[in-house]
Amino acid sequence: MPFFVKSMMNTWRIEPNGKGQPQVTFEIGVSLLPIFAQIMGPLMKKQFNKLASIILDELKYFSETGRVHPRKEKQIKTNMVKAS
């Protein structure tokens, strides 16, 4: 975590939506040092919203196919190459 992040919490919920499918929601709570909250807060919120969309898209793909999303699979392979 960057030094200006005081705390971060992520909460996931999976609930029935009444249509025979689950509804997944999650919230990210971030506490920043005061001066950085004004500067970095909006930028971090934008980045987290973009990341949330990707995460939920990959989770949906996995739940429907039982396979890792191709984008995630590529990322895993890239990370393995970097680690070796």
PDB file of N, CA and C in Angstrom:
ATOM      1  N   MET A   1       0.831  -1.187   0.000  1.00  0.00           N
ATOM      2  CA  MET A   1       0.000   0.000   0.000  1.00  0.00           C
ATOM      3  C   MET A   1       0.877   1.253   0.000  1.00  0.00           C
ATOM      4  N   PRO A   2       0.457   2.255  -0.718  1.00  0.00           N
ATOM      5  CA  PRO A   2       1.172   3.533  -0.639  1.00  0.00           C
ATOM      6  C   PRO A   2       1.070   4.103   0.772  1.00  0.00           C
ATOM      7  N   PHE A   3       2.028   4.909   1.161  1.00  0.00           N
ATOM      8  CA  PHE A   3       2.084   5.441   2.522  1.00  0.00           C
ATOM      9  C   PHE A   3       0.858   6.263   2.904  1.00  0.00           C
ATOM     10  N   PHE A   4       0.173   6.860   1.931  1.00  0.00           N
ATOM     11  CA  PHE A   4      -0.954   7.733   2.232  1.00  0.00           C
ATOM     12  C   PHE A   4      -2.268   6.976   2.447  1.00  0.00           C
ATOM     13  N   VAL A   5      -2.250   5.651   2.276  1.00  0.00           N
ATOM     14  CA  VAL A   5      -3.442   4.835   2.546  1.00  0.00           C
ATOM     15  C   VAL A   5      -3.382   4.385   3.993  1.00  0.00           C
ATOM     16  N   LYS A   6      -4.333   4.884   4.804  1.00  0.00           N
ATOM     17  CA  LYS A   6      -4.382   4.510   6.215  1.00  0.00           C
ATOM     18  C   LYS A   6      -4.982   3.122   6.386  1.00  0.00           C
ATOM     19  N   SER A   7      -6.041   2.828   5.651  1.00  0.00           N
ATOM     20  CA  SER A   7      -6.667   1.508   5.728  1.00  0.00           C
ATOM     21  C   SER A   7      -7.484   1.261   4.470  1.00  0.00           C
ATOM     22  N   MET A   8      -7.734  -0.033   4.239  1.00  0.00           N
ATOM     23  CA  MET A   8      -8.544  -0.418   3.089  1.00  0.00           C
ATOM     24  C   MET A   8      -9.288  -1.691   3.465  1.00  0.00           C
ATOM     25  N   MET A   9     -10.584  -1.743   3.107  1.00  0.00           N
ATOM     26  CA  MET A   9     -11.388  -2.909   3.420  1.00  0.00           C
ATOM     27  C   MET A   9     -12.249  -3.252   2.215  1.00  0.00           C
ATOM     28  N   ASN A  10     -12.417  -4.531   1.966  1.00  0.00           N
ATOM     29  CA  ASN A  10     -13.182  -5.011   0.826  1.00  0.00           C
ATOM     30  C   ASN A  10     -14.238  -5.974   1.353  1.00  0.00           C
ATOM     31  N   THR A  11     -15.516  -5.733   1.042  1.00  0.00           N
ATOM     32  CA  THR A  11     -16.614  -6.577   1.503  1.00  0.00           C
ATOM     33  C   THR A  11     -17.366  -7.125   0.302  1.00  0.00           C
ATOM     34  N   TRP A  12     -17.545  -8.448   0.269  1.00  0.00           N
ATOM     35  CA  TRP A  12     -18.258  -9.118  -0.812  1.00  0.00           C
ATOM     36  C   TRP A  12     -19.580  -9.666  -0.291  1.00  0.00           C
ATOM     37  N   ARG A  13     -20.608  -9.629  -1.142  1.00  0.00           N
ATOM     38  CA  ARG A  13     -21.904 -10.242  -0.826  1.00  0.00           C
ATOM     39  C   ARG A  13     -22.395 -11.002  -2.050  1.00  0.00           C
ATOM     40  N   ILE A  14     -22.891 -12.202  -1.806  1.00  0.00           N
ATOM     41  CA  ILE A  14     -23.526 -12.989  -2.856  1.00  0.00           C
ATOM     42  C   ILE A  14     -24.926 -13.298  -2.372  1.00  0.00           C
ATOM     43  N   GLU A  15     -25.922 -12.822  -3.117  1.00  0.00           N
ATOM     44  CA  GLU A  15     -27.318 -12.956  -2.698  1.00  0.00           C
ATOM     45  C   GLU A  15     -28.160 -13.400  -3.886  1.00  0.00           C
ATOM     46  N   PRO A  16     -29.263 -14.108  -3.616  1.00  0.00           N
ATOM     47  CA  PRO A  16     -30.162 -14.470  -4.729  1.00  0.00           C
ATOM     48  C   PRO A  16     -30.826 -13.213  -5.290  1.00  0.00           C
ATOM     49  N   ASN A  17     -31.045 -13.198  -6.589  1.00  0.00           N
ATOM     50  CA  ASN A  17     -31.697 -12.033  -7.188  1.00  0.00           C
ATOM     51  C   ASN A  17     -33.147 -12.304  -7.565  1.00  0.00           C
ATOM     52  N   GLY A  18     -33.639 -13.514  -7.226  1.00  0.00           N
ATOM     53  CA  GLY A  18     -35.027 -13.853  -7.525  1.00  0.00           C
ATOM     54  C   GLY A  18     -35.237 -14.391  -8.932  1.00  0.00           C
ATOM     55  N   LYS A  19     -34.195 -14.447  -9.725  1.00  0.00           N
ATOM     56  CA  LYS A  19     -34.292 -14.942 -11.111  1.00  0.00           C
ATOM     57  C   LYS A  19     -33.489 -16.231 -11.281  1.00  0.00           C
ATOM     58  N   GLY A  20     -33.196 -16.886 -10.169  1.00  0.00           N
ATOM     59  CA  GLY A  20     -32.434 -18.124 -10.227  1.00  0.00           C
ATOM     60  C   GLY A  20     -30.942 -17.942 -10.392  1.00  0.00           C
ATOM     61  N   GLN A  21     -30.482 -16.714 -10.293  1.00  0.00           N
ATOM     62  CA  GLN A  21     -29.059 -16.430 -10.414  1.00  0.00           C
ATOM     63  C   GLN A  21     -28.613 -15.595  -9.219  1.00  0.00           C
ATOM     64  N   PRO A  22     -27.362 -15.738  -8.814  1.00  0.00           N
ATOM     65  CA  PRO A  22     -26.879 -14.914  -7.699  1.00  0.00           C
ATOM     66  C   PRO A  22     -26.544 -13.500  -8.170  1.00  0.00           C
ATOM     67  N   GLN A  23     -26.626 -12.591  -7.242  1.00  0.00           N
ATOM     68  CA  GLN A  23     -26.182 -11.214  -7.497  1.00  0.00           C
ATOM     69  C   GLN A  23     -24.959 -10.981  -6.622  1.00  0.00           C
ATOM     70  N   VAL A  24     -23.869 -10.586  -7.228  1.00  0.00           N
ATOM     71  CA  VAL A  24     -22.626 -10.345  -6.511  1.00  0.00           C
ATOM     72  C   VAL A  24     -22.403  -8.840  -6.413  1.00  0.00           C
ATOM     73  N   THR A  25     -22.149  -8.391  -5.211  1.00  0.00           N
ATOM     74  CA  THR A  25     -21.802  -6.988  -5.003  1.00  0.00           C
ATOM     75  C   THR A  25     -20.579  -6.932  -4.090  1.00  0.00           C
ATOM     76  N   PHE A  26     -19.801  -5.909  -4.261  1.00  0.00           N
ATOM     77  CA  PHE A  26     -18.718  -5.688  -3.308  1.00  0.00           C
ATOM     78  C   PHE A  26     -18.464  -4.206  -3.160  1.00  0.00           C
ATOM     79  N   GLU A  27     -17.951  -3.886  -1.986  1.00  0.00           N
ATOM     80  CA  GLU A  27     -17.640  -2.501  -1.648  1.00  0.00           C
ATOM     81  C   GLU A  27     -16.192  -2.417  -1.221  1.00  0.00           C
ATOM     82  N   ILE A  28     -15.549  -1.352  -1.622  1.00  0.00           N
ATOM     83  CA  ILE A  28     -14.181  -1.090  -1.210  1.00  0.00           C
ATOM     84  C   ILE A  28     -14.203   0.183  -0.376  1.00  0.00           C
ATOM     85  N   GLY A  29     -13.735   0.081   0.835  1.00  0.00           N
ATOM     86  CA  GLY A  29     -13.633   1.246   1.716  1.00  0.00           C
ATOM     87  C   GLY A  29     -12.172   1.611   1.898  1.00  0.00           C
ATOM     88  N   VAL A  30     -11.846   2.855   1.644  1.00  0.00           N
ATOM     89  CA  VAL A  30     -10.461   3.308   1.733  1.00  0.00           C
ATOM     90  C   VAL A  30     -10.397   4.548   2.605  1.00  0.00           C
ATOM     91  N   SER A  31      -9.435   4.567   3.496  1.00  0.00           N
ATOM     92  CA  SER A  31      -9.183   5.747   4.323  1.00  0.00           C
ATOM     93  C   SER A  31      -7.792   6.270   3.983  1.00  0.00           C
ATOM     94  N   LEU A  32      -7.739   7.537   3.571  1.00  0.00           N
ATOM     95  CA  LEU A  32      -6.475   8.162   3.169  1.00  0.00           C
ATOM     96  C   LEU A  32      -6.075   9.241   4.154  1.00  0.00           C
ATOM     97  N   LEU A  33      -4.784   9.547   4.208  1.00  0.00           N
ATOM     98  CA  LEU A  33      -4.339  10.698   4.987  1.00  0.00           C
ATOM     99  C   LEU A  33      -5.041  11.930   4.432  1.00  0.00           C
ATOM    100  N   PRO A  34      -5.450  12.874   5.315  1.00  0.00           N
ATOM    101  CA  PRO A  34      -6.322  13.986   4.894  1.00  0.00           C
ATOM    102  C   PRO A  34      -5.913  14.735   3.629  1.00  0.00           C
ATOM    103  N   ILE A  35      -4.693  15.172   3.512  1.00  0.00           N
ATOM    104  CA  ILE A  35      -4.304  15.965   2.349  1.00  0.00           C
ATOM    105  C   ILE A  35      -4.368  15.120   1.069  1.00  0.00           C
ATOM    106  N   PHE A  36      -4.063  13.850   1.196  1.00  0.00           N
ATOM    107  CA  PHE A  36      -4.087  12.962   0.036  1.00  0.00           C
ATOM    108  C   PHE A  36      -5.511  12.566  -0.349  1.00  0.00           C
ATOM    109  N   ALA A  37      -6.435  12.633   0.610  1.00  0.00           N
ATOM    110  CA  ALA A  37      -7.833  12.308   0.301  1.00  0.00           C
ATOM    111  C   ALA A  37      -8.373  13.266  -0.752  1.00  0.00           C
ATOM    112  N   GLN A  38      -8.014  14.528  -0.652  1.00  0.00           N
ATOM    113  CA  GLN A  38      -8.481  15.521  -1.619  1.00  0.00           C
ATOM    114  C   GLN A  38      -7.807  15.347  -2.977  1.00  0.00           C
ATOM    115  N   ILE A  39      -6.534  15.002  -2.946  1.00  0.00           N
ATOM    116  CA  ILE A  39      -5.772  14.893  -4.185  1.00  0.00           C
ATOM    117  C   ILE A  39      -5.993  13.541  -4.861  1.00  0.00           C
ATOM    118  N   MET A  40      -5.811  12.466  -4.104  1.00  0.00           N
ATOM    119  CA  MET A  40      -5.822  11.121  -4.672  1.00  0.00           C
ATOM    120  C   MET A  40      -7.192  10.449  -4.644  1.00  0.00           C
ATOM    121  N   GLY A  41      -8.079  10.909  -3.768  1.00  0.00           N
ATOM    122  CA  GLY A  41      -9.386  10.277  -3.613  1.00  0.00           C
ATOM    123  C   GLY A  41     -10.150  10.093  -4.919  1.00  0.00           C
ATOM    124  N   PRO A  42     -10.377  11.173  -5.682  1.00  0.00           N
ATOM    125  CA  PRO A  42     -11.113  11.027  -6.939  1.00  0.00           C
ATOM    126  C   PRO A  42     -10.414  10.123  -7.956  1.00  0.00           C
ATOM    127  N   LEU A  43      -9.093  10.194  -8.016  1.00  0.00           N
ATOM    128  CA  LEU A  43      -8.351   9.340  -8.939  1.00  0.00           C
ATOM    129  C   LEU A  43      -8.459   7.870  -8.549  1.00  0.00           C
ATOM    130  N   MET A  44      -8.354   7.599  -7.248  1.00  0.00           N
ATOM    131  CA  MET A  44      -8.455   6.223  -6.776  1.00  0.00           C
ATOM    132  C   MET A  44      -9.866   5.677  -6.990  1.00  0.00           C
ATOM    133  N   LYS A  45     -10.865   6.514  -6.769  1.00  0.00           N
ATOM    134  CA  LYS A  45     -12.247   6.079  -6.968  1.00  0.00           C
ATOM    135  C   LYS A  45     -12.475   5.689  -8.431  1.00  0.00           C
ATOM    136  N   LYS A  46     -11.974   6.486  -9.346  1.00  0.00           N
ATOM    137  CA  LYS A  46     -12.109   6.186 -10.771  1.00  0.00           C
ATOM    138  C   LYS A  46     -11.416   4.862 -11.109  1.00  0.00           C
ATOM    139  N   GLN A  47     -10.210   4.671 -10.576  1.00  0.00           N
ATOM    140  CA  GLN A  47      -9.454   3.447 -10.841  1.00  0.00           C
ATOM    141  C   GLN A  47     -10.148   2.221 -10.232  1.00  0.00           C
ATOM    142  N   PHE A  48     -10.683   2.355  -9.012  1.00  0.00           N
ATOM    143  CA  PHE A  48     -11.384   1.239  -8.373  1.00  0.00           C
ATOM    144  C   PHE A  48     -12.656   0.885  -9.135  1.00  0.00           C
ATOM    145  N   ASN A  49     -13.365   1.872  -9.648  1.00  0.00           N
ATOM    146  CA  ASN A  49     -14.569   1.591 -10.429  1.00  0.00           C
ATOM    147  C   ASN A  49     -14.227   0.806 -11.698  1.00  0.00           C
ATOM    148  N   LYS A  50     -13.148   1.182 -12.343  1.00  0.00           N
ATOM    149  CA  LYS A  50     -12.701   0.466 -13.537  1.00  0.00           C
ATOM    150  C   LYS A  50     -12.305  -0.969 -13.171  1.00  0.00           C
ATOM    151  N   LEU A  51     -11.560  -1.120 -12.091  1.00  0.00           N
ATOM    152  CA  LEU A  51     -11.133  -2.438 -11.637  1.00  0.00           C
ATOM    153  C   LEU A  51     -12.328  -3.298 -11.234  1.00  0.00           C
ATOM    154  N   ALA A  52     -13.322  -2.703 -10.585  1.00  0.00           N
ATOM    155  CA  ALA A  52     -14.517  -3.442 -10.173  1.00  0.00           C
ATOM    156  C   ALA A  52     -15.239  -4.021 -11.380  1.00  0.00           C
ATOM    157  N   SER A  53     -15.328  -3.266 -12.424  1.00  0.00           N
ATOM    158  CA  SER A  53     -15.971  -3.741 -13.645  1.00  0.00           C
ATOM    159  C   SER A  53     -15.242  -4.954 -14.218  1.00  0.00           C
ATOM    160  N   ILE A  54     -13.928  -4.910 -14.217  1.00  0.00           N
ATOM    161  CA  ILE A  54     -13.114  -6.015 -14.727  1.00  0.00           C
ATOM    162  C   ILE A  54     -13.289  -7.254 -13.843  1.00  0.00           C
ATOM    163  N   ILE A  55     -13.214  -7.061 -12.543  1.00  0.00           N
ATOM    164  CA  ILE A  55     -13.341  -8.176 -11.600  1.00  0.00           C
ATOM    165  C   ILE A  55     -14.695  -8.857 -11.749  1.00  0.00           C
ATOM    166  N   LEU A  56     -15.761  -8.085 -11.799  1.00  0.00           N
ATOM    167  CA  LEU A  56     -17.091  -8.678 -11.918  1.00  0.00           C
ATOM    168  C   LEU A  56     -17.283  -9.362 -13.268  1.00  0.00           C
ATOM    169  N   ASP A  57     -16.715  -8.808 -14.315  1.00  0.00           N
ATOM    170  CA  ASP A  57     -16.783  -9.433 -15.637  1.00  0.00           C
ATOM    171  C   ASP A  57     -16.081 -10.791 -15.629  1.00  0.00           C
ATOM    172  N   GLU A  58     -14.905 -10.852 -15.000  1.00  0.00           N
ATOM    173  CA  GLU A  58     -14.161 -12.101 -14.928  1.00  0.00           C
ATOM    174  C   GLU A  58     -14.870 -13.123 -14.039  1.00  0.00           C
ATOM    175  N   LEU A  59     -15.473 -12.679 -12.961  1.00  0.00           N
ATOM    176  CA  LEU A  59     -16.229 -13.576 -12.086  1.00  0.00           C
ATOM    177  C   LEU A  59     -17.451 -14.137 -12.812  1.00  0.00           C
ATOM    178  N   LYS A  60     -18.136 -13.301 -13.557  1.00  0.00           N
ATOM    179  CA  LYS A  60     -19.300 -13.740 -14.335  1.00  0.00           C
ATOM    180  C   LYS A  60     -18.880 -14.797 -15.349  1.00  0.00           C
ATOM    181  N   TYR A  61     -17.802 -14.552 -16.050  1.00  0.00           N
ATOM    182  CA  TYR A  61     -17.301 -15.503 -17.045  1.00  0.00           C
ATOM    183  C   TYR A  61     -16.989 -16.839 -16.383  1.00  0.00           C
ATOM    184  N   PHE A  62     -16.299 -16.791 -15.247  1.00  0.00           N
ATOM    185  CA  PHE A  62     -15.938 -18.019 -14.542  1.00  0.00           C
ATOM    186  C   PHE A  62     -17.173 -18.774 -14.059  1.00  0.00           C
ATOM    187  N   SER A  63     -18.139 -18.051 -13.515  1.00  0.00           N
ATOM    188  CA  SER A  63     -19.334 -18.716 -12.981  1.00  0.00           C
ATOM    189  C   SER A  63     -20.179 -19.337 -14.095  1.00  0.00           C
ATOM    190  N   GLU A  64     -20.126 -18.778 -15.288  1.00  0.00           N
ATOM    191  CA  GLU A  64     -20.919 -19.298 -16.400  1.00  0.00           C
ATOM    192  C   GLU A  64     -20.215 -20.415 -17.184  1.00  0.00           C
ATOM    193  N   THR A  65     -18.879 -20.394 -17.203  1.00  0.00           N
ATOM    194  CA  THR A  65     -18.147 -21.356 -18.029  1.00  0.00           C
ATOM    195  C   THR A  65     -17.325 -22.349 -17.218  1.00  0.00           C
ATOM    196  N   GLY A  66     -17.011 -21.993 -15.970  1.00  0.00           N
ATOM    197  CA  GLY A  66     -16.135 -22.840 -15.166  1.00  0.00           C
ATOM    198  C   GLY A  66     -14.672 -22.695 -15.544  1.00  0.00           C
ATOM    199  N   ARG A  67     -14.368 -21.718 -16.396  1.00  0.00           N
ATOM    200  CA  ARG A  67     -12.997 -21.478 -16.852  1.00  0.00           C
ATOM    201  C   ARG A  67     -12.557 -20.070 -16.470  1.00  0.00           C
ATOM    202  N   VAL A  68     -11.254 -19.925 -16.346  1.00  0.00           N
ATOM    203  CA  VAL A  68     -10.679 -18.607 -16.073  1.00  0.00           C
ATOM    204  C   VAL A  68     -10.868 -17.733 -17.300  1.00  0.00           C
ATOM    205  N   HIS A  69     -11.215 -16.479 -17.098  1.00  0.00           N
ATOM    206  CA  HIS A  69     -11.391 -15.521 -18.188  1.00  0.00           C
ATOM    207  C   HIS A  69     -10.080 -15.433 -18.989  1.00  0.00           C
ATOM    208  N   PRO A  70     -10.151 -15.374 -20.318  1.00  0.00           N
ATOM    209  CA  PRO A  70      -8.927 -15.288 -21.133  1.00  0.00           C
ATOM    210  C   PRO A  70      -8.006 -14.124 -20.726  1.00  0.00           C
ATOM    211  N   ARG A  71      -8.588 -13.005 -20.358  1.00  0.00           N
ATOM    212  CA  ARG A  71      -7.778 -11.852 -19.927  1.00  0.00           C
ATOM    213  C   ARG A  71      -7.003 -12.205 -18.659  1.00  0.00           C
ATOM    214  N   LYS A  72      -7.668 -12.874 -17.722  1.00  0.00           N
ATOM    215  CA  LYS A  72      -7.037 -13.263 -16.465  1.00  0.00           C
ATOM    216  C   LYS A  72      -5.982 -14.332 -16.703  1.00  0.00           C
ATOM    217  N   GLU A  73      -6.277 -15.275 -17.594  1.00  0.00           N
ATOM    218  CA  GLU A  73      -5.322 -16.328 -17.924  1.00  0.00           C
ATOM    219  C   GLU A  73      -4.035 -15.725 -18.489  1.00  0.00           C
ATOM    220  N   LYS A  74      -4.179 -14.742 -19.356  1.00  0.00           N
ATOM    221  CA  LYS A  74      -3.013 -14.056 -19.931  1.00  0.00           C
ATOM    222  C   LYS A  74      -2.215 -13.350 -18.838  1.00  0.00           C
ATOM    223  N   GLN A  75      -2.921 -12.711 -17.903  1.00  0.00           N
ATOM    224  CA  GLN A  75      -2.263 -12.007 -16.805  1.00  0.00           C
ATOM    225  C   GLN A  75      -1.496 -12.987 -15.918  1.00  0.00           C
ATOM    226  N   ILE A  76      -2.085 -14.143 -15.631  1.00  0.00           N
ATOM    227  CA  ILE A  76      -1.431 -15.152 -14.805  1.00  0.00           C
ATOM    228  C   ILE A  76      -0.145 -15.631 -15.481  1.00  0.00           C
ATOM    229  N   LYS A  77      -0.220 -15.910 -16.784  1.00  0.00           N
ATOM    230  CA  LYS A  77       0.964 -16.357 -17.519  1.00  0.00           C
ATOM    231  C   LYS A  77       2.056 -15.300 -17.506  1.00  0.00           C
ATOM    232  N   THR A  78       1.663 -14.046 -17.685  1.00  0.00           N
ATOM    233  CA  THR A  78       2.630 -12.942 -17.647  1.00  0.00           C
ATOM    234  C   THR A  78       3.298 -12.855 -16.285  1.00  0.00           C
ATOM    235  N   ASN A  79       2.510 -12.981 -15.222  1.00  0.00           N
ATOM    236  CA  ASN A  79       3.058 -12.914 -13.855  1.00  0.00           C
ATOM    237  C   ASN A  79       4.004 -14.077 -13.572  1.00  0.00           C
ATOM    238  N   MET A  80       3.687 -15.250 -14.117  1.00  0.00           N
ATOM    239  CA  MET A  80       4.561 -16.417 -13.906  1.00  0.00           C
ATOM    240  C   MET A  80       5.906 -16.227 -14.601  1.00  0.00           C
ATOM    241  N   VAL A  81       5.879 -15.635 -15.793  1.00  0.00           N
ATOM    242  CA  VAL A  81       7.126 -15.373 -16.522  1.00  0.00           C
ATOM    243  C   VAL A  81       7.969 -14.352 -15.751  1.00  0.00           C
ATOM    244  N   LYS A  82       7.318 -13.320 -15.237  1.00  0.00           N
ATOM    245  CA  LYS A  82       8.060 -12.296 -14.479  1.00  0.00           C
ATOM    246  C   LYS A  82       8.673 -12.869 -13.214  1.00  0.00           C
ATOM    247  N   ALA A  83       7.970 -13.808 -12.573  1.00  0.00           N
ATOM    248  CA  ALA A  83       8.446 -14.379 -11.315  1.00  0.00           C
ATOM    249  C   ALA A  83       9.595 -15.350 -11.517  1.00  0.00           C
ATOM    250  N   SER A  84       9.726 -15.897 -12.708  1.00  0.00           N
ATOM    251  CA  SER A  84      10.798 -16.888 -12.939  1.00  0.00           C
ATOM    252  C   SER A  84      12.080 -16.265 -13.399  1.00  0.00           C
TER     253      SER A  84
END
